[in-house]
Amino acid sequence: MGIRQFYLGYIPKEFLEKYKSNLSLNRRNNIKEQFINLDTLYKIIDTIHKSNGTVYLALNHITNNQTMLEYSKLVYELLHNKVDGIIVSNITIATFLKNQNYTNMIISNLFGNYSIQSVEFLITHFNP
């Protein structure tokens, strides 16, 4: 028993230096709610997995622009093989993951999937 699912966000050093915590790759703007040290994050993920927990990476930023996509791709490259799934809330990241043949996509309620039609669309096109 106990806690088995962990959701986290990671902000690359370069992103943080450029944007501070004014922008976020996971809709958390408080720096205390982010992982900013990759080595620490890898150790935490390993600890969770050793305890039979699952780890989900949030890439659910609200803006769809080239900058956010560029940094999301970087975070994906660093973490996709370490986490059990990636939480998304926008079409840009969902499409990117689909094009990478990533199969452990989790659709956030922040995606706006509030109707049967939107849920059917997401299931048909992204197989989350």
Foldseek 3Di string as FASTA:
>chain_A
DDAAEEEAEEDEPVRCVVCPLVFGQAPDSDPVRHHHDLVVVLVVLVVSVVVVHFYEYERAGDDDDPVSVVRVVVVCVSPVVSGQAYEYQEPVVLVVCVVVVNARYDYDVNNVCPDPVSVVVCCVPRVD
